[in-house]
Amino acid sequence: MGEGVISDGAAASGLVVVTGVFDLLHIGHLRFLEAARHLGDALIVGVEDDERVRRWKGPDRPIMTQEDRCDLLAALRVVDRVFLIAGERVDSDYYVDLLRPLAPRYLAVTADDPYLVEKQTGMARIGVEVRVVTPRIENYSTTRLIRLLGLA
């Protein structure tokens, strides 16, 4: 899966890309993925690797391994392909390097994406439209599920 870059010419018109952790897959994730998929002809999901998740969310996260998260997402009807995102960078140049080889038409995000500005800045440079497709669905967050399950 490499450094989070797919380079096999996936330049289909209407390609949509999303990125995220997708730990403890829940209905909020599914609604986000479905909304993103409706934007185009295919949906590719970038999954944050375990090291990136630990840096952002702490030593007890993710709950599920990157392999398990990728396998679950790949099994969903709305998802066409999955790739792993590795490394420490989150700047706008990183998103350009990450997504340019895919040649997507859209990068779909949620309303509360913590890197929205970086993504918008980078995608504007390569002609990719950033679309907010869902608000944050607070009652279905992974953090809430972890608390309810007594894992935190």
C-alpha atoms as a PDB file:
ATOM      1  CA  MET A   1       0.000   0.000   0.000  1.00  0.00           C
ATOM      2  CA  GLY A   2       3.006   2.313   0.242  1.00  0.00           C
ATOM      3  CA  GLU A   3       2.976   5.960   1.237  1.00  0.00           C
ATOM      4  CA  GLY A   4      -0.717   6.424   0.587  1.00  0.00           C
ATOM      5  CA  VAL A   5      -0.408   6.960  -3.151  1.00  0.00           C
ATOM      6  CA  ILE A   6      -2.080   4.913  -5.839  1.00  0.00           C
ATOM      7  CA  SER A   7      -0.487   5.395  -9.229  1.00  0.00           C
ATOM      8  CA  ASP A   8      -2.237   2.993 -11.576  1.00  0.00           C
ATOM      9  CA  GLY A   9      -4.014   5.664 -13.608  1.00  0.00           C
ATOM     10  CA  ALA A  10      -7.347   5.816 -11.767  1.00  0.00           C
ATOM     11  CA  ALA A  11      -8.354   9.011 -13.579  1.00  0.00           C
ATOM     12  CA  ALA A  12     -12.026   8.221 -14.133  1.00  0.00           C
ATOM     13  CA  SER A  13     -14.317  11.177 -14.658  1.00  0.00           C
ATOM     14  CA  GLY A  14     -16.291  11.751 -11.523  1.00  0.00           C
ATOM     15  CA  LEU A  15     -13.873   9.994  -9.182  1.00  0.00           C
ATOM     16  CA  VAL A  16     -14.506  10.848  -5.526  1.00  0.00           C
ATOM     17  CA  VAL A  17     -11.930  10.446  -2.761  1.00  0.00           C
ATOM     18  CA  VAL A  18     -12.464  10.546   0.992  1.00  0.00           C
ATOM     19  CA  THR A  19      -9.944  10.136   3.790  1.00  0.00           C
ATOM     20  CA  GLY A  20     -10.318   9.271   7.445  1.00  0.00           C
ATOM     21  CA  VAL A  21      -9.653   6.944  10.343  1.00  0.00           C
ATOM     22  CA  PHE A  22     -12.847   4.847  10.134  1.00  0.00           C
ATOM     23  CA  ASP A  23     -12.257   3.179  13.503  1.00  0.00           C
ATOM     24  CA  LEU A  24     -15.261   1.207  14.814  1.00  0.00           C
ATOM     25  CA  LEU A  25     -17.291   1.621  11.661  1.00  0.00           C
ATOM     26  CA  HIS A  26     -20.743   3.073  12.428  1.00  0.00           C
ATOM     27  CA  ILE A  27     -23.804   4.571  10.713  1.00  0.00           C
ATOM     28  CA  GLY A  28     -22.217   8.042  10.604  1.00  0.00           C
ATOM     29  CA  HIS A  29     -19.355   6.612   8.547  1.00  0.00           C
ATOM     30  CA  LEU A  30     -21.789   4.839   6.234  1.00  0.00           C
ATOM     31  CA  ARG A  31     -23.879   7.980   5.686  1.00  0.00           C
ATOM     32  CA  PHE A  32     -20.710   9.953   4.916  1.00  0.00           C
ATOM     33  CA  LEU A  33     -19.484   7.339   2.439  1.00  0.00           C
ATOM     34  CA  GLU A  34     -22.888   7.096   0.755  1.00  0.00           C
ATOM     35  CA  ALA A  35     -23.123  10.886   0.403  1.00  0.00           C
ATOM     36  CA  ALA A  36     -19.607  11.008  -1.040  1.00  0.00           C
ATOM     37  CA  ARG A  37     -20.324   8.185  -3.499  1.00  0.00           C
ATOM     38  CA  HIS A  38     -23.348  10.074  -4.852  1.00  0.00           C
ATOM     39  CA  LEU A  39     -21.021  12.811  -6.101  1.00  0.00           C
ATOM     40  CA  GLY A  40     -19.400  10.670  -8.777  1.00  0.00           C
ATOM     41  CA  ASP A  41     -18.824   7.423 -10.609  1.00  0.00           C
ATOM     42  CA  ALA A  42     -16.470   5.758  -8.122  1.00  0.00           C
ATOM     43  CA  LEU A  43     -15.364   6.181  -4.508  1.00  0.00           C
ATOM     44  CA  ILE A  44     -11.845   5.625  -3.244  1.00  0.00           C
ATOM     45  CA  VAL A  45     -11.232   5.710   0.513  1.00  0.00           C
ATOM     46  CA  GLY A  46      -7.910   6.687   2.076  1.00  0.00           C
ATOM     47  CA  VAL A  47      -7.504   5.155   5.541  1.00  0.00           C
ATOM     48  CA  GLU A  48      -5.154   6.768   8.070  1.00  0.00           C
ATOM     49  CA  ASP A  49      -2.559   4.215   9.168  1.00  0.00           C
ATOM     50  CA  ASP A  50      -2.197   3.144  12.806  1.00  0.00           C
ATOM     51  CA  GLU A  51       0.784   5.438  13.526  1.00  0.00           C
ATOM     52  CA  ARG A  52      -1.010   8.559  12.248  1.00  0.00           C
ATOM     53  CA  VAL A  53      -4.065   7.684  14.335  1.00  0.00           C
ATOM     54  CA  ARG A  54      -1.962   7.198  17.500  1.00  0.00           C
ATOM     55  CA  ARG A  55      -0.286  10.588  16.975  1.00  0.00           C
ATOM     56  CA  TRP A  56      -3.648  12.330  16.634  1.00  0.00           C
ATOM     57  CA  LYS A  57      -5.900  10.410  19.009  1.00  0.00           C
ATOM     58  CA  GLY A  58      -3.551   8.922  21.610  1.00  0.00           C
ATOM     59  CA  PRO A  59      -1.890   5.599  22.444  1.00  0.00           C
ATOM     60  CA  ASP A  60      -5.147   3.661  22.855  1.00  0.00           C
ATOM     61  CA  ARG A  61      -6.311   4.355  19.312  1.00  0.00           C
ATOM     62  CA  PRO A  62      -7.106   3.007  16.880  1.00  0.00           C
ATOM     63  CA  ILE A  63      -9.227   0.249  18.356  1.00  0.00           C
ATOM     64  CA  MET A  64      -9.070  -1.737  15.104  1.00  0.00           C
ATOM     65  CA  THR A  65      -5.898  -2.278  13.077  1.00  0.00           C
ATOM     66  CA  GLN A  66      -5.356  -0.506   9.786  1.00  0.00           C
ATOM     67  CA  GLU A  67      -5.721  -3.843   7.981  1.00  0.00           C
ATOM     68  CA  ASP A  68      -9.093  -4.550   9.600  1.00  0.00           C
ATOM     69  CA  ARG A  69     -10.339  -1.021   8.903  1.00  0.00           C
ATOM     70  CA  CYS A  70      -9.286  -1.309   5.255  1.00  0.00           C
ATOM     71  CA  ASP A  71     -10.904  -4.738   4.859  1.00  0.00           C
ATOM     72  CA  LEU A  72     -14.217  -3.572   6.356  1.00  0.00           C
ATOM     73  CA  LEU A  73     -14.351  -0.514   4.130  1.00  0.00           C
ATOM     74  CA  ALA A  74     -13.417  -2.502   1.021  1.00  0.00           C
ATOM     75  CA  ALA A  75     -16.355  -4.830   1.687  1.00  0.00           C
ATOM     76  CA  LEU A  76     -18.910  -1.999   1.530  1.00  0.00           C
ATOM     77  CA  ARG A  77     -20.928  -1.674  -1.701  1.00  0.00           C
ATOM     78  CA  VAL A  78     -20.370   2.087  -1.885  1.00  0.00           C
ATOM     79  CA  VAL A  79     -16.559   1.757  -1.784  1.00  0.00           C
ATOM     80  CA  ASP A  80     -14.684   0.936  -4.978  1.00  0.00           C
ATOM     81  CA  ARG A  81     -11.113   0.950  -3.629  1.00  0.00           C
ATOM     82  CA  VAL A  82      -9.187   1.563  -0.426  1.00  0.00           C
ATOM     83  CA  PHE A  83      -5.646   2.802   0.158  1.00  0.00           C
ATOM     84  CA  LEU A  84      -3.555   3.444   3.248  1.00  0.00           C
ATOM     85  CA  ILE A  85      -2.295   6.906   4.221  1.00  0.00           C
ATOM     86  CA  ALA A  86       1.085   6.961   5.983  1.00  0.00           C
ATOM     87  CA  GLY A  87       3.535   9.608   7.173  1.00  0.00           C
ATOM     88  CA  GLU A  88       3.417  12.610   9.459  1.00  0.00           C
ATOM     89  CA  ARG A  89       2.528  15.455   7.129  1.00  0.00           C
ATOM     90  CA  VAL A  90      -0.896  17.130   7.000  1.00  0.00           C
ATOM     91  CA  ASP A  91      -0.034  20.322   5.088  1.00  0.00           C
ATOM     92  CA  SER A  92      -1.659  21.355   1.793  1.00  0.00           C
ATOM     93  CA  ASP A  93       1.339  20.072  -0.228  1.00  0.00           C
ATOM     94  CA  TYR A  94       0.866  16.655   1.355  1.00  0.00           C
ATOM     95  CA  TYR A  95      -2.729  16.432   0.136  1.00  0.00           C
ATOM     96  CA  VAL A  96      -1.586  17.460  -3.348  1.00  0.00           C
ATOM     97  CA  ASP A  97       1.103  14.732  -3.344  1.00  0.00           C
ATOM     98  CA  LEU A  98      -1.367  12.200  -1.964  1.00  0.00           C
ATOM     99  CA  LEU A  99      -4.258  12.815  -4.326  1.00  0.00           C
ATOM    100  CA  ARG A 100      -2.771  14.169  -7.573  1.00  0.00           C
ATOM    101  CA  PRO A 101      -1.927  10.644  -8.896  1.00  0.00           C
ATOM    102  CA  LEU A 102      -5.581   9.649  -8.474  1.00  0.00           C
ATOM    103  CA  ALA A 103      -6.872  12.608 -10.521  1.00  0.00           C
ATOM    104  CA  PRO A 104     -10.138  12.830  -8.583  1.00  0.00           C
ATOM    105  CA  ARG A 105     -12.898  15.247  -9.451  1.00  0.00           C
ATOM    106  CA  TYR A 106     -13.933  15.633  -5.799  1.00  0.00           C
ATOM    107  CA  LEU A 107     -12.507  15.312  -2.330  1.00  0.00           C
ATOM    108  CA  ALA A 108     -15.502  14.741  -0.059  1.00  0.00           C
ATOM    109  CA  VAL A 109     -15.278  15.820   3.583  1.00  0.00           C
ATOM    110  CA  THR A 110     -17.453  16.274   6.650  1.00  0.00           C
ATOM    111  CA  ALA A 111     -18.329  19.739   7.921  1.00  0.00           C
ATOM    112  CA  ASP A 112     -15.945  19.450  10.877  1.00  0.00           C
ATOM    113  CA  ASP A 113     -12.903  18.081   9.025  1.00  0.00           C
ATOM    114  CA  PRO A 114      -9.910  19.235  11.133  1.00  0.00           C
ATOM    115  CA  TYR A 115      -7.752  19.701   8.015  1.00  0.00           C
ATOM    116  CA  LEU A 116     -10.379  21.348   5.830  1.00  0.00           C
ATOM    117  CA  VAL A 117      -8.318  24.486   5.126  1.00  0.00           C
ATOM    118  CA  GLU A 118      -5.223  22.479   4.185  1.00  0.00           C
ATOM    119  CA  LYS A 119      -7.287  20.241   1.914  1.00  0.00           C
ATOM    120  CA  GLN A 120      -9.065  23.173   0.245  1.00  0.00           C
ATOM    121  CA  THR A 121      -5.774  24.997  -0.332  1.00  0.00           C
ATOM    122  CA  GLY A 122      -4.054  21.971  -1.837  1.00  0.00           C
ATOM    123  CA  MET A 123      -6.965  20.785  -3.940  1.00  0.00           C
ATOM    124  CA  ALA A 124      -7.500  24.260  -5.433  1.00  0.00           C
ATOM    125  CA  ARG A 125      -3.965  24.025  -6.853  1.00  0.00           C
ATOM    126  CA  ILE A 126      -4.744  20.821  -8.760  1.00  0.00           C
ATOM    127  CA  GLY A 127      -8.343  21.515  -9.777  1.00  0.00           C
ATOM    128  CA  VAL A 128     -10.051  19.136  -7.348  1.00  0.00           C
ATOM    129  CA  GLU A 129     -13.305  20.344  -5.843  1.00  0.00           C
ATOM    130  CA  VAL A 130     -13.629  19.929  -2.062  1.00  0.00           C
ATOM    131  CA  ARG A 131     -17.231  19.179  -1.135  1.00  0.00           C
ATOM    132  CA  VAL A 132     -18.723  19.023   2.357  1.00  0.00           C
ATOM    133  CA  VAL A 133     -21.183  16.136   2.039  1.00  0.00           C
ATOM    134  CA  THR A 134     -22.359  15.635   5.627  1.00  0.00           C
ATOM    135  CA  PRO A 135     -22.391  17.457   8.927  1.00  0.00           C
ATOM    136  CA  ARG A 136     -20.773  15.795  11.917  1.00  0.00           C
ATOM    137  CA  ILE A 137     -23.211  13.251  13.277  1.00  0.00           C
ATOM    138  CA  GLU A 138     -22.300  13.591  16.940  1.00  0.00           C
ATOM    139  CA  ASN A 139     -24.391  10.750  18.350  1.00  0.00           C
ATOM    140  CA  TYR A 140     -22.574   8.276  16.151  1.00  0.00           C
ATOM    141  CA  SER A 141     -18.934   9.239  16.741  1.00  0.00           C
ATOM    142  CA  THR A 142     -16.303   6.589  17.390  1.00  0.00           C
ATOM    143  CA  THR A 143     -15.265   8.444  20.555  1.00  0.00           C
ATOM    144  CA  ARG A 144     -18.839   8.168  21.881  1.00  0.00           C
ATOM    145  CA  LEU A 145     -18.967   4.451  21.029  1.00  0.00           C
ATOM    146  CA  ILE A 146     -15.668   3.860  22.817  1.00  0.00           C
ATOM    147  CA  ARG A 147     -17.067   5.522  25.949  1.00  0.00           C
ATOM    148  CA  LEU A 148     -20.320   3.567  25.769  1.00  0.00           C
ATOM    149  CA  LEU A 149     -18.422   0.302  25.383  1.00  0.00           C
ATOM    150  CA  GLY A 150     -16.167   1.147  28.328  1.00  0.00           C
ATOM    151  CA  LEU A 151     -13.011   1.070  26.210  1.00  0.00           C
ATOM    152  CA  ALA A 152     -11.805   4.476  27.395  1.00  0.00           C
END
